[in-house]
Amino acid sequence: MQGGAVPPSMNHGGHELFDVKEVLSATLGALNQAMILRPHVQDPELLDILDRQYRFTLDEYNILVESFKTGKDPSHPTQRYQMKAGSDFIYGMKEKAPSKPIQSTGEINDEIISGFLLGATKEGATGKTAASLEVCNPVVRRVLADSVPNCIEMAYELSIYQNKHQYYQVPQLNDQDMNMLLNSFASFQGQPGMPNNLQ
């Protein structure tokens, strides 16, 4: 067992090392995938999203690498991702051809590319959340935790883009069922009666 003063660069537990390595590897994969897919993008709006998210993710990757290696505050803090698009979803389902695997790279299109990007940002949110729960180093934990909302925001931006083009359709319940679910919980009023501690 080791306790006491540990240098910041060595202030990492085993679970943390493996989990952060997974996060960094997944982030590298997402960045590489975006670079590979970029020449295939047709829609200028999707290209703008890809470029903005790439630059932002690359900065977050560098921040995590720096704090992971040093165990100290990075040279600049995690920023907040700002989407350009509004947040209006189109609800409802329209019939479309079933999805199936592509047979050649000539079939790569904006639906497939935006789907890859969306999957990568969702994986980023999940992986960073799980890793942050295993981290001993307080700086690395904060860097991971601060980046989760950015992954969520980027995924939201991509899902809005996909929804607008009917790649990502969102069904909606009828009013009666929706109201029943929305009203199935109520706030607690008053002071809770806490049980006595055992003596």
N, C-alpha and C. Protein backbone atom coordinates (compact mmCIF):
# COMPACT_ATOMS: atom_id res chain seq x y z
N MET A 1 0.85 -1.19 0.00
CA MET A 1 0.00 0.00 0.00
C MET A 1 0.89 1.24 0.00
N GLN A 2 0.45 2.22 -0.79
CA GLN A 2 1.21 3.47 -0.85
C GLN A 2 0.27 4.61 -0.49
N GLY A 3 0.68 5.42 0.44
CA GLY A 3 -0.12 6.57 0.84
C GLY A 3 0.78 7.78 0.94
N GLY A 4 0.25 8.85 1.52
CA GLY A 4 1.06 10.04 1.70
C GLY A 4 1.20 10.84 0.42
N ALA A 5 2.30 11.59 0.36
CA ALA A 5 2.53 12.48 -0.77
C ALA A 5 2.93 11.69 -2.01
N VAL A 6 2.13 11.80 -3.05
CA VAL A 6 2.41 11.16 -4.33
C VAL A 6 2.55 12.29 -5.35
N PRO A 7 3.59 12.27 -6.19
CA PRO A 7 3.72 13.33 -7.20
C PRO A 7 2.48 13.36 -8.10
N PRO A 8 2.03 14.54 -8.52
CA PRO A 8 0.81 14.64 -9.35
C PRO A 8 0.84 13.74 -10.58
N SER A 9 2.01 13.60 -11.22
CA SER A 9 2.08 12.79 -12.44
C SER A 9 1.90 11.30 -12.16
N MET A 10 2.07 10.89 -10.90
CA MET A 10 1.89 9.48 -10.53
C MET A 10 0.61 9.26 -9.73
N ASN A 11 -0.19 10.31 -9.58
CA ASN A 11 -1.42 10.22 -8.79
C ASN A 11 -2.54 9.62 -9.64
N HIS A 12 -2.38 8.35 -10.00
CA HIS A 12 -3.34 7.64 -10.83
C HIS A 12 -3.47 6.21 -10.32
N GLY A 13 -4.70 5.73 -10.21
CA GLY A 13 -4.93 4.33 -9.87
C GLY A 13 -4.98 3.48 -11.13
N GLY A 14 -4.91 2.17 -10.94
CA GLY A 14 -4.91 1.25 -12.07
C GLY A 14 -6.15 1.34 -12.93
N HIS A 15 -7.33 1.36 -12.29
CA HIS A 15 -8.58 1.47 -13.05
C HIS A 15 -8.58 2.74 -13.89
N GLU A 16 -8.12 3.82 -13.28
CA GLU A 16 -8.06 5.11 -13.97
C GLU A 16 -7.18 5.03 -15.21
N LEU A 17 -6.00 4.44 -15.06
CA LEU A 17 -5.07 4.36 -16.20
C LEU A 17 -5.70 3.64 -17.38
N PHE A 18 -6.33 2.51 -17.10
CA PHE A 18 -6.93 1.73 -18.19
C PHE A 18 -8.15 2.44 -18.79
N ASP A 19 -8.99 3.04 -17.92
CA ASP A 19 -10.20 3.70 -18.43
C ASP A 19 -9.86 4.96 -19.23
N VAL A 20 -8.89 5.74 -18.76
CA VAL A 20 -8.52 6.95 -19.50
C VAL A 20 -7.84 6.57 -20.81
N LYS A 21 -7.05 5.49 -20.80
CA LYS A 21 -6.47 5.00 -22.05
C LYS A 21 -7.57 4.66 -23.05
N GLU A 22 -8.66 4.03 -22.58
CA GLU A 22 -9.79 3.70 -23.47
C GLU A 22 -10.43 4.97 -24.02
N VAL A 23 -10.62 5.97 -23.17
CA VAL A 23 -11.21 7.24 -23.61
C VAL A 23 -10.33 7.90 -24.66
N LEU A 24 -9.03 7.96 -24.40
CA LEU A 24 -8.12 8.59 -25.35
C LEU A 24 -8.08 7.82 -26.67
N SER A 25 -8.08 6.49 -26.60
CA SER A 25 -8.08 5.68 -27.83
C SER A 25 -9.36 5.89 -28.63
N ALA A 26 -10.50 5.94 -27.93
CA ALA A 26 -11.78 6.16 -28.61
C ALA A 26 -11.83 7.55 -29.24
N THR A 27 -11.27 8.54 -28.54
CA THR A 27 -11.24 9.90 -29.08
C THR A 27 -10.35 9.97 -30.32
N LEU A 28 -9.20 9.31 -30.26
CA LEU A 28 -8.34 9.23 -31.45
C LEU A 28 -9.09 8.59 -32.61
N GLY A 29 -9.80 7.51 -32.33
CA GLY A 29 -10.58 6.83 -33.37
C GLY A 29 -11.62 7.75 -33.98
N ALA A 30 -12.31 8.53 -33.12
CA ALA A 30 -13.33 9.45 -33.61
C ALA A 30 -12.71 10.55 -34.48
N LEU A 31 -11.57 11.08 -34.04
CA LEU A 31 -10.89 12.12 -34.82
C LEU A 31 -10.41 11.57 -36.16
N ASN A 32 -9.82 10.39 -36.14
CA ASN A 32 -9.35 9.77 -37.39
C ASN A 32 -10.51 9.47 -38.34
N GLN A 33 -11.60 8.98 -37.77
CA GLN A 33 -12.78 8.67 -38.59
C GLN A 33 -13.33 9.93 -39.25
N ALA A 34 -13.39 11.02 -38.51
CA ALA A 34 -13.87 12.29 -39.08
C ALA A 34 -12.97 12.74 -40.22
N MET A 35 -11.67 12.60 -40.05
CA MET A 35 -10.72 13.00 -41.09
C MET A 35 -10.87 12.13 -42.34
N ILE A 36 -11.08 10.83 -42.15
CA ILE A 36 -11.26 9.91 -43.28
C ILE A 36 -12.56 10.21 -44.03
N LEU A 37 -13.62 10.53 -43.29
CA LEU A 37 -14.94 10.74 -43.90
C LEU A 37 -15.11 12.14 -44.50
N ARG A 38 -14.31 13.10 -44.05
CA ARG A 38 -14.49 14.49 -44.47
C ARG A 38 -14.58 14.68 -45.98
N PRO A 39 -13.71 14.04 -46.80
CA PRO A 39 -13.80 14.26 -48.26
C PRO A 39 -15.10 13.76 -48.89
N HIS A 40 -15.85 12.92 -48.17
CA HIS A 40 -17.08 12.36 -48.72
C HIS A 40 -18.32 13.20 -48.39
N VAL A 41 -18.18 14.23 -47.54
CA VAL A 41 -19.32 15.05 -47.13
C VAL A 41 -19.80 15.88 -48.31
N GLN A 42 -21.12 15.88 -48.53
CA GLN A 42 -21.72 16.66 -49.62
C GLN A 42 -22.35 17.96 -49.13
N ASP A 43 -23.00 17.92 -47.97
CA ASP A 43 -23.76 19.06 -47.46
C ASP A 43 -22.83 20.04 -46.74
N PRO A 44 -22.80 21.32 -47.15
CA PRO A 44 -21.95 22.30 -46.47
C PRO A 44 -22.26 22.44 -44.98
N GLU A 45 -23.53 22.27 -44.61
CA GLU A 45 -23.90 22.36 -43.19
C GLU A 45 -23.24 21.23 -42.39
N LEU A 46 -23.28 20.02 -42.93
CA LEU A 46 -22.65 18.89 -42.25
C LEU A 46 -21.13 19.08 -42.19
N LEU A 47 -20.55 19.61 -43.26
CA LEU A 47 -19.11 19.86 -43.27
C LEU A 47 -18.73 20.87 -42.19
N ASP A 48 -19.55 21.89 -42.01
CA ASP A 48 -19.31 22.89 -40.97
C ASP A 48 -19.39 22.24 -39.58
N ILE A 49 -20.39 21.39 -39.37
CA ILE A 49 -20.53 20.69 -38.09
C ILE A 49 -19.30 19.81 -37.85
N LEU A 50 -18.93 19.03 -38.86
CA LEU A 50 -17.77 18.13 -38.73
C LEU A 50 -16.52 18.92 -38.37
N ASP A 51 -16.27 20.01 -39.08
CA ASP A 51 -15.05 20.80 -38.84
C ASP A 51 -15.04 21.43 -37.45
N ARG A 52 -16.18 22.02 -37.05
CA ARG A 52 -16.24 22.64 -35.72
C ARG A 52 -16.07 21.60 -34.62
N GLN A 53 -16.75 20.45 -34.76
CA GLN A 53 -16.66 19.41 -33.74
C GLN A 53 -15.26 18.78 -33.73
N TYR A 54 -14.64 18.65 -34.89
CA TYR A 54 -13.28 18.10 -34.95
C TYR A 54 -12.31 19.00 -34.16
N ARG A 55 -12.34 20.30 -34.45
CA ARG A 55 -11.43 21.23 -33.77
C ARG A 55 -11.66 21.21 -32.26
N PHE A 56 -12.93 21.20 -31.86
CA PHE A 56 -13.26 21.21 -30.44
C PHE A 56 -12.79 19.92 -29.77
N THR A 57 -13.06 18.78 -30.41
CA THR A 57 -12.67 17.48 -29.85
C THR A 57 -11.16 17.36 -29.78
N LEU A 58 -10.46 17.86 -30.77
CA LEU A 58 -9.00 17.83 -30.77
C LEU A 58 -8.44 18.63 -29.59
N ASP A 59 -9.03 19.79 -29.31
CA ASP A 59 -8.60 20.59 -28.17
C ASP A 59 -8.85 19.84 -26.86
N GLU A 60 -10.03 19.22 -26.73
CA GLU A 60 -10.32 18.45 -25.51
C GLU A 60 -9.37 17.27 -25.37
N TYR A 61 -9.06 16.62 -26.47
CA TYR A 61 -8.10 15.51 -26.46
C TYR A 61 -6.75 15.99 -25.91
N ASN A 62 -6.26 17.12 -26.43
CA ASN A 62 -4.98 17.67 -25.97
C ASN A 62 -5.01 18.04 -24.49
N ILE A 63 -6.13 18.60 -24.03
CA ILE A 63 -6.28 18.95 -22.61
C ILE A 63 -6.20 17.70 -21.75
N LEU A 64 -6.90 16.63 -22.16
CA LEU A 64 -6.89 15.39 -21.38
C LEU A 64 -5.50 14.75 -21.38
N VAL A 65 -4.84 14.72 -22.53
CA VAL A 65 -3.48 14.16 -22.60
C VAL A 65 -2.55 14.92 -21.65
N GLU A 66 -2.63 16.25 -21.68
CA GLU A 66 -1.76 17.07 -20.82
C GLU A 66 -2.02 16.81 -19.34
N SER A 67 -3.29 16.84 -18.93
CA SER A 67 -3.59 16.65 -17.51
C SER A 67 -3.31 15.21 -17.07
N PHE A 68 -3.50 14.25 -17.96
CA PHE A 68 -3.24 12.84 -17.65
C PHE A 68 -1.74 12.62 -17.43
N LYS A 69 -0.90 13.22 -18.27
CA LYS A 69 0.55 13.05 -18.15
C LYS A 69 1.12 13.78 -16.93
N THR A 70 0.62 14.99 -16.68
CA THR A 70 1.21 15.81 -15.61
C THR A 70 0.49 15.64 -14.28
N GLY A 71 -0.80 15.30 -14.32
CA GLY A 71 -1.60 15.24 -13.10
C GLY A 71 -1.96 16.61 -12.59
N LYS A 72 -1.65 17.64 -13.36
CA LYS A 72 -1.89 19.02 -12.95
C LYS A 72 -2.90 19.69 -13.88
N ASP A 73 -3.33 20.90 -13.47
CA ASP A 73 -4.25 21.67 -14.32
C ASP A 73 -3.64 21.86 -15.70
N PRO A 74 -4.46 21.70 -16.75
CA PRO A 74 -3.94 21.91 -18.10
C PRO A 74 -3.66 23.39 -18.36
N SER A 75 -2.95 23.67 -19.45
CA SER A 75 -2.55 25.04 -19.77
C SER A 75 -3.75 25.95 -20.03
N HIS A 76 -4.88 25.37 -20.43
CA HIS A 76 -6.13 26.14 -20.50
C HIS A 76 -7.29 25.19 -20.18
N PRO A 77 -8.37 25.74 -19.62
CA PRO A 77 -9.48 24.88 -19.19
C PRO A 77 -10.32 24.38 -20.36
N THR A 78 -11.12 23.38 -20.07
CA THR A 78 -12.08 22.87 -21.04
C THR A 78 -13.07 23.98 -21.38
N GLN A 79 -13.31 24.17 -22.66
CA GLN A 79 -14.26 25.19 -23.11
C GLN A 79 -15.67 24.60 -23.15
N ARG A 80 -16.63 25.42 -23.52
CA ARG A 80 -18.02 24.97 -23.65
C ARG A 80 -18.38 24.96 -25.13
N TYR A 81 -18.85 23.79 -25.62
CA TYR A 81 -19.22 23.69 -27.03
C TYR A 81 -20.51 24.45 -27.30
N GLN A 82 -20.52 25.23 -28.37
CA GLN A 82 -21.71 25.99 -28.76
C GLN A 82 -22.19 25.50 -30.12
N MET A 83 -23.41 24.97 -30.17
CA MET A 83 -23.95 24.58 -31.46
C MET A 83 -24.46 25.81 -32.19
N LYS A 84 -24.53 25.68 -33.51
CA LYS A 84 -25.06 26.77 -34.34
C LYS A 84 -26.55 26.60 -34.56
N ALA A 85 -26.99 25.37 -34.67
CA ALA A 85 -28.38 25.09 -35.05
C ALA A 85 -29.34 25.38 -33.91
N GLY A 86 -30.61 25.54 -34.27
CA GLY A 86 -31.66 25.64 -33.26
C GLY A 86 -31.92 24.27 -32.67
N SER A 87 -32.90 24.18 -31.81
CA SER A 87 -33.16 22.90 -31.15
C SER A 87 -34.56 22.37 -31.45
N ASP A 88 -35.04 22.61 -32.65
CA ASP A 88 -36.38 22.15 -33.02
C ASP A 88 -36.32 20.78 -33.67
N PHE A 89 -37.02 19.83 -33.07
CA PHE A 89 -37.13 18.50 -33.65
C PHE A 89 -38.43 18.39 -34.44
N ILE A 90 -38.39 17.59 -35.48
CA ILE A 90 -39.59 17.24 -36.23
C ILE A 90 -40.04 15.89 -35.70
N TYR A 91 -41.25 15.85 -35.15
CA TYR A 91 -41.76 14.61 -34.57
C TYR A 91 -42.60 13.85 -35.58
N GLY A 92 -42.57 12.54 -35.48
CA GLY A 92 -43.37 11.69 -36.35
C GLY A 92 -42.48 10.81 -37.21
N MET A 93 -43.12 9.82 -37.79
CA MET A 93 -42.40 8.83 -38.60
C MET A 93 -42.92 8.86 -40.03
N LYS A 94 -41.99 8.81 -40.98
CA LYS A 94 -42.33 8.66 -42.39
C LYS A 94 -41.70 7.37 -42.87
N GLU A 95 -42.40 6.69 -43.75
CA GLU A 95 -41.86 5.43 -44.27
C GLU A 95 -40.62 5.71 -45.11
N LYS A 96 -39.61 4.88 -44.92
CA LYS A 96 -38.40 4.98 -45.72
C LYS A 96 -37.83 3.59 -45.94
N ALA A 97 -36.96 3.47 -46.88
CA ALA A 97 -36.36 2.17 -47.20
C ALA A 97 -35.60 1.65 -45.98
N PRO A 98 -35.62 0.34 -45.75
CA PRO A 98 -34.87 -0.22 -44.62
C PRO A 98 -33.37 0.05 -44.76
N SER A 99 -32.71 0.23 -43.65
CA SER A 99 -31.26 0.42 -43.66
C SER A 99 -30.57 -0.92 -43.82
N LYS A 100 -29.43 -0.90 -44.50
CA LYS A 100 -28.64 -2.12 -44.67
C LYS A 100 -27.18 -1.73 -44.85
N PRO A 101 -26.26 -2.67 -44.65
CA PRO A 101 -24.84 -2.34 -44.82
C PRO A 101 -24.54 -1.93 -46.25
N ILE A 102 -23.61 -0.99 -46.39
CA ILE A 102 -23.19 -0.58 -47.73
C ILE A 102 -22.25 -1.64 -48.31
N GLN A 103 -22.16 -1.66 -49.63
CA GLN A 103 -21.32 -2.65 -50.31
C GLN A 103 -20.04 -2.06 -50.88
N SER A 104 -19.96 -0.71 -50.93
CA SER A 104 -18.74 -0.07 -51.43
C SER A 104 -18.64 1.34 -50.85
N THR A 105 -17.44 1.89 -50.89
CA THR A 105 -17.24 3.25 -50.37
C THR A 105 -17.97 4.29 -51.21
N GLY A 106 -18.35 3.93 -52.43
CA GLY A 106 -19.12 4.84 -53.27
C GLY A 106 -20.51 5.12 -52.72
N GLU A 107 -20.95 4.30 -51.78
CA GLU A 107 -22.28 4.50 -51.17
C GLU A 107 -22.23 5.39 -49.94
N ILE A 108 -21.04 5.82 -49.53
CA ILE A 108 -20.95 6.70 -48.35
C ILE A 108 -21.66 8.01 -48.67
N ASN A 109 -22.57 8.40 -47.79
CA ASN A 109 -23.33 9.63 -48.00
C ASN A 109 -23.44 10.38 -46.67
N ASP A 110 -24.13 11.51 -46.70
CA ASP A 110 -24.24 12.35 -45.50
C ASP A 110 -24.99 11.66 -44.37
N GLU A 111 -25.94 10.81 -44.70
CA GLU A 111 -26.65 10.07 -43.65
C GLU A 111 -25.69 9.15 -42.91
N ILE A 112 -24.87 8.42 -43.65
CA ILE A 112 -23.91 7.50 -43.04
C ILE A 112 -22.86 8.28 -42.24
N ILE A 113 -22.35 9.36 -42.82
CA ILE A 113 -21.31 10.15 -42.15
C ILE A 113 -21.85 10.76 -40.86
N SER A 114 -23.02 11.38 -40.93
CA SER A 114 -23.58 11.99 -39.71
C SER A 114 -23.90 10.92 -38.67
N GLY A 115 -24.25 9.71 -39.11
CA GLY A 115 -24.48 8.60 -38.19
C GLY A 115 -23.21 8.17 -37.48
N PHE A 116 -22.10 8.09 -38.23
CA PHE A 116 -20.79 7.78 -37.62
C PHE A 116 -20.43 8.84 -36.58
N LEU A 117 -20.58 10.10 -36.95
CA LEU A 117 -20.22 11.19 -36.04
C LEU A 117 -21.09 11.16 -34.79
N LEU A 118 -22.39 10.90 -34.96
CA LEU A 118 -23.30 10.82 -33.82
C LEU A 118 -22.91 9.67 -32.90
N GLY A 119 -22.62 8.52 -33.47
CA GLY A 119 -22.20 7.37 -32.66
C GLY A 119 -20.93 7.66 -31.88
N ALA A 120 -19.99 8.35 -32.49
CA ALA A 120 -18.72 8.67 -31.81
C ALA A 120 -18.94 9.63 -30.65
N THR A 121 -19.82 10.63 -30.82
CA THR A 121 -20.05 11.57 -29.72
C THR A 121 -20.81 10.90 -28.58
N LYS A 122 -21.73 10.01 -28.92
CA LYS A 122 -22.44 9.27 -27.86
C LYS A 122 -21.47 8.38 -27.09
N GLU A 123 -20.58 7.71 -27.81
CA GLU A 123 -19.55 6.88 -27.16
C GLU A 123 -18.65 7.74 -26.29
N GLY A 124 -18.33 8.94 -26.76
CA GLY A 124 -17.51 9.85 -25.95
C GLY A 124 -18.18 10.19 -24.63
N ALA A 125 -19.47 10.51 -24.67
CA ALA A 125 -20.20 10.84 -23.45
C ALA A 125 -20.24 9.66 -22.49
N THR A 126 -20.51 8.48 -23.02
CA THR A 126 -20.60 7.28 -22.18
C THR A 126 -19.23 6.92 -21.60
N GLY A 127 -18.21 6.89 -22.44
CA GLY A 127 -16.87 6.51 -21.99
C GLY A 127 -16.29 7.48 -20.97
N LYS A 128 -16.45 8.77 -21.21
CA LYS A 128 -15.91 9.77 -20.29
C LYS A 128 -16.65 9.75 -18.95
N THR A 129 -17.96 9.52 -18.99
CA THR A 129 -18.73 9.42 -17.75
C THR A 129 -18.24 8.24 -16.93
N ALA A 130 -18.14 7.07 -17.56
CA ALA A 130 -17.69 5.87 -16.85
C ALA A 130 -16.27 6.04 -16.32
N ALA A 131 -15.38 6.60 -17.13
CA ALA A 131 -13.98 6.77 -16.70
C ALA A 131 -13.88 7.75 -15.54
N SER A 132 -14.66 8.83 -15.57
CA SER A 132 -14.56 9.84 -14.51
C SER A 132 -14.94 9.26 -13.15
N LEU A 133 -15.75 8.21 -13.14
CA LEU A 133 -16.15 7.57 -11.88
C LEU A 133 -15.06 6.67 -11.31
N GLU A 134 -14.02 6.39 -12.10
CA GLU A 134 -12.92 5.53 -11.66
C GLU A 134 -11.63 6.29 -11.39
N VAL A 135 -11.62 7.60 -11.63
CA VAL A 135 -10.39 8.39 -11.58
C VAL A 135 -10.07 8.83 -10.16
N CYS A 136 -8.81 8.65 -9.76
CA CYS A 136 -8.32 9.11 -8.46
C CYS A 136 -7.80 10.54 -8.54
N ASN A 137 -7.14 10.89 -9.64
CA ASN A 137 -6.56 12.22 -9.78
C ASN A 137 -7.68 13.24 -9.95
N PRO A 138 -7.77 14.23 -9.05
CA PRO A 138 -8.89 15.18 -9.10
C PRO A 138 -8.91 16.04 -10.37
N VAL A 139 -7.74 16.36 -10.91
CA VAL A 139 -7.69 17.19 -12.12
C VAL A 139 -8.21 16.40 -13.32
N VAL A 140 -7.74 15.17 -13.48
CA VAL A 140 -8.18 14.34 -14.60
C VAL A 140 -9.68 14.06 -14.49
N ARG A 141 -10.15 13.81 -13.27
CA ARG A 141 -11.59 13.57 -13.08
C ARG A 141 -12.39 14.78 -13.53
N ARG A 142 -11.94 15.97 -13.15
CA ARG A 142 -12.67 17.19 -13.52
C ARG A 142 -12.62 17.43 -15.03
N VAL A 143 -11.45 17.19 -15.66
CA VAL A 143 -11.34 17.37 -17.11
C VAL A 143 -12.31 16.43 -17.83
N LEU A 144 -12.36 15.17 -17.40
CA LEU A 144 -13.30 14.22 -18.01
C LEU A 144 -14.75 14.66 -17.79
N ALA A 145 -15.07 14.98 -16.53
CA ALA A 145 -16.45 15.36 -16.21
C ALA A 145 -16.88 16.62 -16.94
N ASP A 146 -15.97 17.59 -17.07
CA ASP A 146 -16.31 18.83 -17.77
C ASP A 146 -16.54 18.62 -19.26
N SER A 147 -15.96 17.57 -19.82
CA SER A 147 -16.12 17.35 -21.26
C SER A 147 -17.38 16.56 -21.61
N VAL A 148 -18.01 15.91 -20.62
CA VAL A 148 -19.22 15.12 -20.91
C VAL A 148 -20.35 16.00 -21.46
N PRO A 149 -20.67 17.16 -20.86
CA PRO A 149 -21.73 17.99 -21.43
C PRO A 149 -21.43 18.42 -22.87
N ASN A 150 -20.16 18.57 -23.21
CA ASN A 150 -19.81 18.93 -24.59
C ASN A 150 -20.12 17.80 -25.55
N CYS A 151 -19.84 16.57 -25.14
CA CYS A 151 -20.20 15.41 -25.98
C CYS A 151 -21.71 15.36 -26.18
N ILE A 152 -22.44 15.61 -25.11
CA ILE A 152 -23.90 15.59 -25.19
C ILE A 152 -24.39 16.67 -26.16
N GLU A 153 -23.80 17.86 -26.07
CA GLU A 153 -24.20 18.96 -26.95
C GLU A 153 -23.88 18.66 -28.41
N MET A 154 -22.71 18.06 -28.65
CA MET A 154 -22.34 17.71 -30.03
C MET A 154 -23.27 16.63 -30.57
N ALA A 155 -23.61 15.64 -29.74
CA ALA A 155 -24.54 14.59 -30.16
C ALA A 155 -25.91 15.19 -30.46
N TYR A 156 -26.33 16.14 -29.64
CA TYR A 156 -27.62 16.80 -29.84
C TYR A 156 -27.63 17.55 -31.17
N GLU A 157 -26.54 18.27 -31.46
CA GLU A 157 -26.44 19.00 -32.73
C GLU A 157 -26.54 18.05 -33.91
N LEU A 158 -25.86 16.91 -33.83
CA LEU A 158 -25.90 15.93 -34.91
C LEU A 158 -27.26 15.27 -35.03
N SER A 159 -27.92 15.01 -33.90
CA SER A 159 -29.25 14.40 -33.99
C SER A 159 -30.27 15.37 -34.58
N ILE A 160 -30.12 16.67 -34.31
CA ILE A 160 -31.00 17.67 -34.93
C ILE A 160 -30.75 17.70 -36.44
N TYR A 161 -29.48 17.66 -36.83
CA TYR A 161 -29.14 17.63 -38.26
C TYR A 161 -29.76 16.39 -38.91
N GLN A 162 -29.59 15.23 -38.29
CA GLN A 162 -30.13 14.00 -38.86
C GLN A 162 -31.65 14.04 -38.90
N ASN A 163 -32.26 14.58 -37.86
CA ASN A 163 -33.72 14.66 -37.81
C ASN A 163 -34.26 15.55 -38.92
N LYS A 164 -33.60 16.68 -39.15
CA LYS A 164 -34.03 17.62 -40.19
C LYS A 164 -34.04 16.97 -41.57
N HIS A 165 -33.13 16.02 -41.78
CA HIS A 165 -33.03 15.33 -43.07
C HIS A 165 -33.72 13.97 -43.07
N GLN A 166 -34.49 13.71 -42.01
CA GLN A 166 -35.27 12.47 -41.85
C GLN A 166 -34.39 11.22 -41.78
N TYR A 167 -33.13 11.38 -41.35
CA TYR A 167 -32.27 10.23 -41.10
C TYR A 167 -32.54 9.69 -39.70
N TYR A 168 -32.94 10.57 -38.79
CA TYR A 168 -33.14 10.25 -37.38
C TYR A 168 -34.56 10.68 -37.03
N GLN A 169 -35.50 9.77 -37.20
CA GLN A 169 -36.90 10.11 -36.98
C GLN A 169 -37.26 9.90 -35.51
N VAL A 170 -38.13 10.76 -35.01
CA VAL A 170 -38.49 10.74 -33.59
C VAL A 170 -39.99 10.52 -33.45
N PRO A 171 -40.39 9.31 -33.04
CA PRO A 171 -41.82 9.08 -32.82
C PRO A 171 -42.30 9.84 -31.59
N GLN A 172 -43.59 10.09 -31.55
CA GLN A 172 -44.16 10.80 -30.40
C GLN A 172 -45.42 10.07 -29.97
N LEU A 173 -45.63 9.99 -28.65
CA LEU A 173 -46.83 9.35 -28.13
C LEU A 173 -48.05 10.24 -28.36
N ASN A 174 -49.24 9.63 -28.31
CA ASN A 174 -50.44 10.45 -28.40
C ASN A 174 -50.56 11.30 -27.12
N ASP A 175 -51.38 12.36 -27.18
CA ASP A 175 -51.48 13.32 -26.08
C ASP A 175 -51.85 12.66 -24.76
N GLN A 176 -52.79 11.74 -24.79
CA GLN A 176 -53.25 11.10 -23.55
C GLN A 176 -52.12 10.31 -22.89
N ASP A 177 -51.41 9.50 -23.66
CA ASP A 177 -50.31 8.71 -23.10
C ASP A 177 -49.18 9.62 -22.62
N MET A 178 -48.88 10.67 -23.40
CA MET A 178 -47.81 11.58 -23.01
C MET A 178 -48.15 12.27 -21.69
N ASN A 179 -49.39 12.78 -21.57
CA ASN A 179 -49.80 13.44 -20.33
C ASN A 179 -49.78 12.50 -19.15
N MET A 180 -50.18 11.25 -19.37
CA MET A 180 -50.17 10.27 -18.29
C MET A 180 -48.73 10.07 -17.79
N LEU A 181 -47.78 9.95 -18.69
CA LEU A 181 -46.38 9.77 -18.28
C LEU A 181 -45.81 11.04 -17.66
N LEU A 182 -46.12 12.20 -18.24
CA LEU A 182 -45.60 13.46 -17.70
C LEU A 182 -46.11 13.73 -16.29
N ASN A 183 -47.31 13.26 -15.98
CA ASN A 183 -47.91 13.51 -14.67
C ASN A 183 -47.80 12.31 -13.73
N SER A 184 -46.92 11.37 -14.03
CA SER A 184 -46.82 10.17 -13.19
C SER A 184 -45.89 10.36 -12.00
N PHE A 185 -45.29 11.55 -11.85
CA PHE A 185 -44.46 11.87 -10.69
C PHE A 185 -44.86 13.23 -10.15
N ALA A 186 -44.68 13.42 -8.84
CA ALA A 186 -44.98 14.70 -8.21
C ALA A 186 -43.82 15.08 -7.30
N SER A 187 -43.64 16.38 -7.09
CA SER A 187 -42.61 16.87 -6.18
C SER A 187 -42.99 16.54 -4.75
N PHE A 188 -42.00 16.31 -3.90
CA PHE A 188 -42.24 16.07 -2.48
C PHE A 188 -42.39 17.41 -1.78
N GLN A 189 -43.39 17.55 -0.96
CA GLN A 189 -43.63 18.79 -0.22
C GLN A 189 -43.38 18.54 1.26
N GLY A 190 -42.80 19.52 1.95
CA GLY A 190 -42.57 19.39 3.38
C GLY A 190 -41.18 18.87 3.70
N GLN A 191 -41.00 18.46 4.94
CA GLN A 191 -39.72 17.97 5.42
C GLN A 191 -39.77 16.45 5.54
N PRO A 192 -38.75 15.75 5.06
CA PRO A 192 -38.76 14.29 5.20
C PRO A 192 -38.55 13.88 6.65
N GLY A 193 -39.22 12.84 7.07
CA GLY A 193 -39.01 12.28 8.40
C GLY A 193 -37.93 11.23 8.32
N MET A 194 -36.72 11.61 8.70
CA MET A 194 -35.59 10.69 8.59
C MET A 194 -35.60 9.71 9.75
N PRO A 195 -35.27 8.44 9.49
CA PRO A 195 -35.23 7.46 10.58
C PRO A 195 -34.09 7.79 11.54
N ASN A 196 -34.26 7.38 12.80
CA ASN A 196 -33.21 7.60 13.80
C ASN A 196 -32.02 6.71 13.50
N ASN A 197 -30.82 7.24 13.78
CA ASN A 197 -29.61 6.42 13.64
C ASN A 197 -29.60 5.36 14.72
N LEU A 198 -29.08 4.21 14.38
CA LEU A 198 -28.96 3.14 15.37
C LEU A 198 -27.87 3.51 16.37
N GLN A 199 -28.09 3.20 17.61
CA GLN A 199 -27.12 3.51 18.66
C GLN A 199 -26.16 2.37 18.86
